[in-house]
Protein backbone atom coordinates (compact mmCIF):
# COMPACT_ATOMS: atom_id res chain seq x y z
CA MET A 1 -25.12 -45.39 11.27
CA SER A 2 -25.29 -43.86 7.79
CA ALA A 3 -23.26 -40.77 6.84
CA LYS A 4 -26.51 -38.81 6.64
CA ASN A 5 -27.25 -39.51 10.33
CA LYS A 6 -23.70 -38.86 11.52
CA LYS A 7 -23.43 -35.97 14.00
CA SER A 8 -21.11 -33.06 13.18
CA TYR A 9 -19.43 -30.72 15.66
CA ALA A 10 -18.18 -27.26 14.71
CA PHE A 11 -15.30 -25.08 15.85
CA TYR A 12 -14.15 -21.55 15.13
CA SER A 13 -10.55 -20.30 15.27
CA LYS A 14 -9.47 -16.80 14.24
CA THR A 15 -5.92 -18.17 13.84
CA GLN A 16 -7.13 -20.83 11.41
CA GLU A 17 -9.19 -18.28 9.50
CA ASN A 18 -6.13 -16.03 9.10
CA ILE A 19 -3.94 -18.95 7.98
CA ASN A 20 -6.48 -19.62 5.24
CA ARG A 21 -6.04 -16.02 4.09
CA ARG A 22 -2.29 -16.41 3.66
CA GLY A 23 -2.61 -19.79 1.92
CA THR A 24 -1.86 -20.28 -1.73
CA MET A 25 -4.52 -20.54 -4.39
CA HIS A 26 -4.60 -23.87 -6.19
CA CYS A 27 -5.24 -24.30 -9.87
CA ASP A 28 -7.65 -26.98 -11.07
CA ASP A 29 -8.23 -27.36 -14.81
CA GLY A 30 -6.69 -23.94 -15.43
CA LYS A 31 -9.07 -22.14 -13.06
CA LEU A 32 -7.94 -20.33 -9.93
CA ASN A 33 -9.71 -21.26 -6.73
CA ARG A 34 -10.64 -18.51 -4.30
CA LYS A 35 -9.32 -18.62 -0.73
CA VAL A 36 -11.86 -19.83 1.80
CA LYS A 37 -12.33 -17.52 4.80
CA HIS A 38 -14.77 -19.76 6.66
CA ASN A 39 -17.97 -21.75 6.20
CA ILE A 40 -21.46 -21.09 7.49
CA TYR A 41 -23.27 -23.99 9.15
CA GLU A 42 -26.72 -24.16 10.69
CA ASN A 43 -26.93 -25.34 14.29
CA LEU A 44 -29.75 -27.37 15.81
CA ASN A 45 -31.67 -24.16 16.66
CA GLY A 46 -31.59 -22.94 13.05
CA GLU A 47 -28.96 -20.26 13.76
CA GLU A 48 -26.12 -19.66 11.29
CA LEU A 49 -22.61 -20.08 12.71
CA VAL A 50 -19.22 -19.02 11.36
CA VAL A 51 -17.13 -22.21 11.29
CA THR A 52 -13.51 -23.00 10.40
CA GLU A 53 -13.47 -26.70 11.31
CA VAL A 54 -15.98 -29.56 11.50
CA THR A 55 -15.54 -33.06 12.91
CA SER A 56 -17.67 -36.11 13.64
CA ASP A 57 -15.67 -36.83 16.82
CA PRO A 58 -17.44 -35.41 19.91
CA ASN A 59 -14.11 -35.59 21.83
CA TYR A 60 -12.06 -33.83 19.13
CA VAL A 61 -9.41 -31.32 20.27
CA SER A 62 -8.41 -28.73 17.66
CA ARG A 63 -4.73 -28.04 17.09
CA PHE A 64 -5.55 -24.31 17.16
CA LYS A 65 -5.28 -23.08 20.75
CA ASP A 66 -7.88 -20.33 20.23
CA ALA A 67 -10.49 -22.71 18.77
CA VAL A 68 -13.91 -22.48 20.39
CA SER A 69 -16.38 -25.34 20.25
CA LEU A 70 -19.68 -24.22 18.71
CA GLY A 71 -21.50 -27.46 19.41
CA GLU A 72 -23.43 -29.71 17.09
CA VAL A 73 -24.40 -28.49 13.63
CA LYS A 74 -26.99 -30.00 11.33
CA GLN A 75 -26.08 -28.72 7.87
CA TRP A 76 -23.65 -26.73 5.79
CA VAL A 77 -25.13 -23.50 4.39
CA ARG A 78 -22.46 -21.71 2.34
CA VAL A 79 -18.80 -20.84 2.03
CA VAL A 80 -17.39 -17.33 2.56
CA PHE A 81 -14.31 -16.35 0.54
CA TRP A 82 -11.69 -13.69 1.23
């Protein structure tokens, strides 16, 4: 199966989102990167979902206890920064 046809499964965790807020900003080529709050993905019904984690493993278990499975997603839409 090609990477293009690989299924992706999304999760959301408020804990993970807040950890991203406290994280440090990294510097690449002298430019500061903004802190990522979460990403927006489109699900199979065309709805936009707030996502903090994506995996190709349908049996994946997040390390964040408050993570909620959002099901299969078909494409990344945009990133949301703090």
